[in-house]
N, C-alpha and C. Protein backbone atom coordinates (compact mmCIF):
# COMPACT_ATOMS: atom_id res chain seq x y z
N MET A 1 109.43 128.58 97.68
CA MET A 1 109.10 128.12 95.58
C MET A 1 108.29 126.17 95.76
N ARG A 2 107.53 126.11 95.36
CA ARG A 2 106.57 124.86 95.70
C ARG A 2 106.73 123.59 94.60
N LEU A 3 106.35 123.10 95.45
CA LEU A 3 107.19 121.51 94.25
C LEU A 3 105.61 122.27 92.88
N ASP A 4 105.16 121.34 93.32
CA ASP A 4 104.68 121.67 91.18
C ASP A 4 105.05 123.00 90.46
N GLN A 5 106.44 123.69 90.92
CA GLN A 5 107.26 125.12 90.39
C GLN A 5 108.48 124.06 89.92
N VAL A 6 108.56 122.92 90.40
CA VAL A 6 110.12 122.16 90.59
C VAL A 6 109.62 120.58 89.55
N VAL A 7 108.92 120.21 90.07
CA VAL A 7 108.21 118.60 89.81
C VAL A 7 107.11 119.21 89.44
N SER A 8 106.61 118.75 88.85
CA SER A 8 104.98 118.43 88.02
C SER A 8 104.41 117.34 87.14
N ASP A 9 105.44 116.36 86.64
CA ASP A 9 104.78 115.86 85.77
C ASP A 9 105.02 113.85 86.59
N LYS A 10 104.02 113.27 86.24
CA LYS A 10 103.59 112.15 86.06
C LYS A 10 104.73 111.37 86.38
N GLY A 11 106.23 111.12 87.20
CA GLY A 11 107.03 110.24 87.04
C GLY A 11 108.13 111.50 87.40
N GLU A 12 108.22 112.52 87.13
CA GLU A 12 109.11 113.22 87.74
C GLU A 12 110.12 112.79 88.76
N ARG A 13 111.15 112.80 89.16
CA ARG A 13 111.73 113.22 90.51
C ARG A 13 112.32 113.96 91.45
N LEU A 14 111.87 114.41 92.20
CA LEU A 14 113.69 116.30 92.92
C LEU A 14 114.07 114.67 93.88
N PHE A 15 115.26 115.43 94.54
CA PHE A 15 116.30 114.15 95.10
C PHE A 15 116.72 116.37 95.67
N TYR A 16 116.86 115.36 97.44
CA TYR A 16 117.25 116.04 98.18
C TYR A 16 117.82 115.62 99.12
N ASP A 17 118.87 115.96 100.39
CA ASP A 17 119.97 115.85 100.70
C ASP A 17 119.33 116.71 101.85
N TYR A 18 119.15 116.22 103.00
CA TYR A 18 118.41 116.88 104.96
C TYR A 18 119.52 116.19 105.47
N ASP A 19 119.87 116.96 105.91
CA ASP A 19 121.44 116.96 107.54
C ASP A 19 122.57 116.72 106.19
N PHE A 20 122.83 117.70 106.11
CA PHE A 20 124.27 117.18 105.33
C PHE A 20 125.11 116.70 106.37
N GLY A 21 125.43 116.89 107.71
CA GLY A 21 126.58 116.37 108.13
C GLY A 21 125.85 115.02 108.56
N ASP A 22 125.05 114.59 108.25
CA ASP A 22 124.19 113.59 108.51
C ASP A 22 124.19 112.41 107.10
N GLY A 23 123.89 112.71 105.79
CA GLY A 23 124.16 112.78 105.11
C GLY A 23 122.66 111.80 104.64
N TRP A 24 122.16 112.21 104.80
CA TRP A 24 120.16 112.01 104.61
C TRP A 24 120.22 112.25 103.14
N GLU A 25 119.63 111.10 102.11
CA GLU A 25 119.26 111.29 101.07
C GLU A 25 117.67 111.02 99.92
N HIS A 26 117.13 112.23 99.89
CA HIS A 26 115.18 112.03 99.84
C HIS A 26 115.22 111.74 98.32
N VAL A 27 114.25 111.37 97.78
CA VAL A 27 113.79 111.36 96.41
C VAL A 27 112.57 111.69 96.26
N LEU A 28 111.84 112.53 95.92
CA LEU A 28 111.11 112.38 96.14
C LEU A 28 110.00 112.17 94.48
N VAL A 29 108.99 111.93 93.81
CA VAL A 29 108.64 111.02 92.92
C VAL A 29 107.57 111.84 93.07
N VAL A 30 106.85 112.82 92.03
CA VAL A 30 106.08 112.86 91.33
C VAL A 30 104.52 111.03 90.60
N GLU A 31 103.21 110.63 92.19
CA GLU A 31 103.25 109.23 91.57
C GLU A 31 101.74 109.90 90.76
N ASP A 32 100.83 110.79 91.02
CA ASP A 32 99.97 111.19 90.56
C ASP A 32 99.25 113.06 90.51
N VAL A 33 99.41 113.41 88.97
CA VAL A 33 98.88 114.91 88.57
C VAL A 33 97.43 115.18 89.69
N LEU A 34 96.29 115.52 90.50
CA LEU A 34 95.80 115.43 90.65
C LEU A 34 94.72 117.34 89.81
N ASP A 35 93.60 116.93 88.97
CA ASP A 35 92.63 118.51 88.78
C ASP A 35 92.87 118.82 90.11
N ASP A 36 91.96 118.95 90.91
CA ASP A 36 91.90 119.63 91.95
C ASP A 36 93.03 119.50 93.54
N PRO A 37 93.49 120.08 93.98
CA PRO A 37 94.54 119.67 94.55
C PRO A 37 93.51 119.67 96.09
N PRO A 38 94.13 118.51 96.88
CA PRO A 38 93.68 118.12 98.87
C PRO A 38 92.91 120.01 98.90
N SER A 39 92.44 119.85 99.68
CA SER A 39 92.51 120.66 100.75
C SER A 39 93.58 120.78 101.79
N ALA A 40 94.62 119.42 102.22
CA ALA A 40 94.79 119.72 103.51
C ALA A 40 96.05 118.28 103.16
N PRO A 41 97.27 118.45 103.59
CA PRO A 41 97.70 117.96 102.67
C PRO A 41 97.82 116.02 103.68
N VAL A 42 97.88 114.89 103.13
CA VAL A 42 97.08 114.03 103.38
C VAL A 42 98.15 112.39 103.86
N CYS A 43 98.68 111.85 104.61
CA CYS A 43 99.37 110.83 104.39
C CYS A 43 98.98 109.19 103.98
N LEU A 44 99.28 108.54 102.56
CA LEU A 44 97.50 107.59 102.36
C LEU A 44 99.22 106.14 102.93
N THR A 45 100.34 106.33 103.41
CA THR A 45 100.98 104.83 103.62
C THR A 45 101.84 105.85 104.62
N GLY A 46 102.99 104.36 104.91
CA GLY A 46 103.99 104.35 104.82
C GLY A 46 104.37 103.40 105.68
N ARG A 47 105.96 103.17 106.50
CA ARG A 47 106.37 102.00 107.62
C ARG A 47 108.04 103.15 107.66
N MET A 48 107.91 102.52 108.36
CA MET A 48 108.92 102.73 109.95
C MET A 48 109.09 104.35 109.89
N ALA A 49 109.22 103.72 111.32
CA ALA A 49 109.86 105.44 112.15
C ALA A 49 110.54 106.12 111.61
N CYS A 50 110.32 107.45 111.31
CA CYS A 50 111.23 108.11 111.19
C CYS A 50 112.67 108.26 112.00
N PRO A 51 113.56 108.65 111.33
CA PRO A 51 115.00 108.77 112.46
C PRO A 51 114.78 110.06 113.27
N PRO A 52 115.14 109.70 114.61
CA PRO A 52 115.42 110.92 115.58
C PRO A 52 116.42 111.54 114.99
N GLU A 53 116.45 112.80 114.94
CA GLU A 53 117.39 114.16 114.61
C GLU A 53 118.31 113.18 115.51
N ASP A 54 119.38 113.72 114.59
CA ASP A 54 121.58 114.26 115.07
C ASP A 54 121.39 112.10 116.04
N CYS A 55 120.95 111.45 114.91
CA CYS A 55 121.65 110.13 115.42
C CYS A 55 122.41 109.20 114.29
N GLY A 56 122.52 110.03 113.82
CA GLY A 56 124.58 109.80 113.10
C GLY A 56 124.24 109.48 111.13
N GLY A 57 122.57 109.48 110.91
CA GLY A 57 122.79 109.15 109.44
C GLY A 57 122.77 107.53 109.31
N LEU A 58 123.23 107.28 108.47
CA LEU A 58 122.39 105.57 107.97
C LEU A 58 122.18 104.60 108.27
N GLY A 59 124.25 104.32 109.15
CA GLY A 59 125.28 103.54 109.95
C GLY A 59 124.74 103.80 111.49
N GLY A 60 123.86 105.07 112.06
CA GLY A 60 123.38 105.18 113.41
C GLY A 60 122.68 105.17 113.17
N TYR A 61 121.38 105.28 112.62
CA TYR A 61 119.69 104.55 112.69
C TYR A 61 119.92 103.46 112.80
N GLU A 62 120.98 102.88 111.72
CA GLU A 62 120.83 101.57 112.64
C GLU A 62 120.89 100.93 112.80
N GLU A 63 122.29 101.68 113.74
CA GLU A 63 122.68 101.11 114.84
C GLU A 63 121.56 100.92 116.30
N LEU A 64 120.91 102.58 115.91
CA LEU A 64 120.84 102.73 116.94
C LEU A 64 118.62 101.91 116.79
N ALA A 65 119.07 101.33 115.92
CA ALA A 65 117.09 100.53 115.63
C ALA A 65 117.26 98.85 115.56
N ALA A 66 119.07 98.75 115.85
CA ALA A 66 119.02 97.46 116.33
C ALA A 66 118.86 97.75 117.62
N TRP A 67 119.47 98.82 118.14
CA TRP A 67 119.54 98.81 120.20
C TRP A 67 118.27 98.56 119.90
N VAL A 68 117.20 98.89 119.89
CA VAL A 68 116.49 98.97 120.39
C VAL A 68 114.73 97.46 119.63
N ARG A 69 115.84 97.37 119.25
CA ARG A 69 114.93 95.66 118.78
C ARG A 69 114.71 95.20 119.19
N GLY A 70 116.50 95.51 120.36
CA GLY A 70 116.97 93.87 121.14
C GLY A 70 116.83 94.66 122.48
N GLY A 71 116.14 95.03 122.44
CA GLY A 71 116.03 95.60 123.77
C GLY A 71 116.54 96.24 125.15
N TYR A 72 116.84 97.66 124.30
CA TYR A 72 117.80 98.32 125.11
C TYR A 72 119.06 97.48 126.09
N ASP A 73 119.34 96.97 125.55
CA ASP A 73 120.75 96.39 126.15
C ASP A 73 121.51 97.43 126.91
N PRO A 74 121.68 97.47 128.07
CA PRO A 74 122.14 98.83 128.15
C PRO A 74 124.28 98.63 128.07
N ARG A 75 124.79 97.32 128.27
CA ARG A 75 126.25 96.74 127.60
C ARG A 75 126.48 97.39 126.13
N ALA A 76 125.07 97.08 125.65
CA ALA A 76 125.07 97.87 124.28
C ALA A 76 124.90 98.95 123.50
N THR A 77 124.76 99.76 124.09
CA THR A 77 124.30 101.18 123.68
C THR A 77 125.22 102.17 122.39
N PRO A 78 124.10 101.84 121.05
CA PRO A 78 125.11 103.71 120.46
C PRO A 78 125.06 104.05 120.81
N MET A 79 126.30 104.69 119.85
CA MET A 79 126.52 106.45 119.68
C MET A 79 127.98 106.88 121.49
N GLY A 80 127.99 105.60 122.29
CA GLY A 80 128.25 106.21 123.04
C GLY A 80 127.94 106.93 124.06
N LEU A 81 127.30 106.47 124.05
CA LEU A 81 125.15 106.75 125.30
C LEU A 81 125.47 105.50 126.56
N GLY A 82 125.73 105.99 127.78
CA GLY A 82 124.66 105.72 128.39
C GLY A 82 123.37 105.03 128.44
N ALA A 83 122.69 104.50 128.31
CA ALA A 83 121.23 103.41 128.45
C ALA A 83 120.33 104.97 128.66
N GLN A 84 120.64 104.72 129.70
CA GLN A 84 120.19 105.70 130.99
C GLN A 84 119.54 107.52 129.76
N GLU A 85 120.59 107.57 129.07
CA GLU A 85 121.28 109.67 128.27
C GLU A 85 120.20 108.42 127.20
N MET A 86 120.36 107.66 126.97
CA MET A 86 119.73 106.81 125.09
C MET A 86 118.23 106.82 124.96
N ARG A 87 117.43 106.85 126.39
CA ARG A 87 116.38 106.13 126.09
C ARG A 87 116.05 107.93 127.03
N ASP A 88 116.55 108.39 127.14
CA ASP A 88 116.23 110.12 127.87
C ASP A 88 116.18 110.76 126.21
N TRP A 89 117.57 110.94 125.53
CA TRP A 89 116.69 111.35 124.35
C TRP A 89 115.88 111.03 123.01
N LEU A 90 116.00 109.14 123.25
CA LEU A 90 114.73 109.55 122.28
C LEU A 90 113.18 109.54 122.54
N PRO A 91 112.48 109.80 121.62
CA PRO A 91 111.11 110.71 121.36
C PRO A 91 110.62 109.27 121.56
N ARG A 92 109.47 110.25 123.07
CA ARG A 92 108.50 108.71 124.37
C ARG A 92 108.67 107.91 123.09
N ASP A 93 108.83 106.67 122.58
CA ASP A 93 107.59 105.85 122.19
C ASP A 93 108.07 104.73 121.22
N TRP A 94 109.05 105.54 121.13
CA TRP A 94 109.07 105.62 119.12
C TRP A 94 110.32 104.36 119.30
N HIS A 95 109.87 103.73 118.59
CA HIS A 95 110.62 102.15 118.09
C HIS A 95 110.51 102.73 116.40
N PRO A 96 111.34 101.59 115.77
CA PRO A 96 111.89 101.89 114.26
C PRO A 96 111.16 100.86 113.73
N ASP A 97 110.40 100.40 114.09
CA ASP A 97 109.22 99.44 112.83
C ASP A 97 108.33 100.16 112.54
N ARG A 98 107.80 101.06 113.53
CA ARG A 98 105.69 101.34 114.15
C ARG A 98 106.15 102.87 113.03
N PHE A 99 104.69 102.91 112.58
CA PHE A 99 104.39 103.71 111.79
C PHE A 99 103.16 103.96 112.35
N SER A 100 102.01 105.13 111.66
CA SER A 100 100.70 104.97 112.20
C SER A 100 100.20 105.99 111.24
N VAL A 101 99.90 105.94 109.98
CA VAL A 101 98.56 106.48 109.18
C VAL A 101 98.25 107.73 109.70
N ALA A 102 96.69 107.48 110.67
CA ALA A 102 96.10 108.18 111.70
C ALA A 102 96.82 109.41 112.32
N GLU A 103 98.06 108.37 113.11
CA GLU A 103 99.07 110.14 114.22
C GLU A 103 99.74 110.66 112.74
N THR A 104 100.63 110.48 112.12
CA THR A 104 100.70 111.37 110.71
C THR A 104 99.79 112.56 110.59
N ASN A 105 98.63 111.68 110.00
CA ASN A 105 97.49 112.36 109.61
C ASN A 105 97.21 114.06 110.19
N ASP A 106 97.43 113.56 111.65
CA ASP A 106 96.33 113.84 112.34
C ASP A 106 97.96 115.19 113.40
N ALA A 107 98.87 114.64 112.85
CA ALA A 107 99.94 116.15 113.18
C ALA A 107 100.39 116.60 111.34
N LEU A 108 100.34 116.16 110.83
CA LEU A 108 99.25 116.84 109.10
C LEU A 108 98.55 117.73 109.41
N ALA A 109 97.34 117.78 110.60
CA ALA A 109 96.23 118.52 110.19
C ALA A 109 96.97 119.83 111.05
N VAL A 110 97.66 119.29 112.84
CA VAL A 110 98.08 120.98 113.34
C VAL A 110 98.89 121.37 112.10
N LEU A 111 99.85 120.72 111.31
CA LEU A 111 100.69 121.96 110.67
C LEU A 111 99.99 123.09 109.48
N ASN A 112 98.75 122.19 109.43
CA ASN A 112 98.53 122.69 108.41
C ASN A 112 96.53 123.97 108.70
N THR A 113 97.12 123.94 110.22
CA THR A 113 96.46 125.28 111.23
C THR A 113 97.32 126.36 111.25
N ARG A 114 97.53 125.79 110.99
CA ARG A 114 98.68 127.47 111.40
C ARG A 114 99.39 127.65 110.40
């Protein structure tokens, strides 16, 4: 099913849960309806990093973000894992405050060619 079959007017919202075990709740809002759709999806703006898979929902993400922001203190690792195990598990160069529109659009472009 395409999104425009579910929401199609400015201001309409779509609510969905991602990863029921971790309880990520999302809301998509139609901000504008274009006469001609773009040839490919494009990210216009964003903030903060996407949570790594299986980080334990919002509470786990907040603990993980605080640990990274605090300099990876080996005495304060979240999720009951060792510091090196945590660093190996995290995506390379992941930081909770990092977001790049250019990198996101590069990833979207790759997905759009498949």
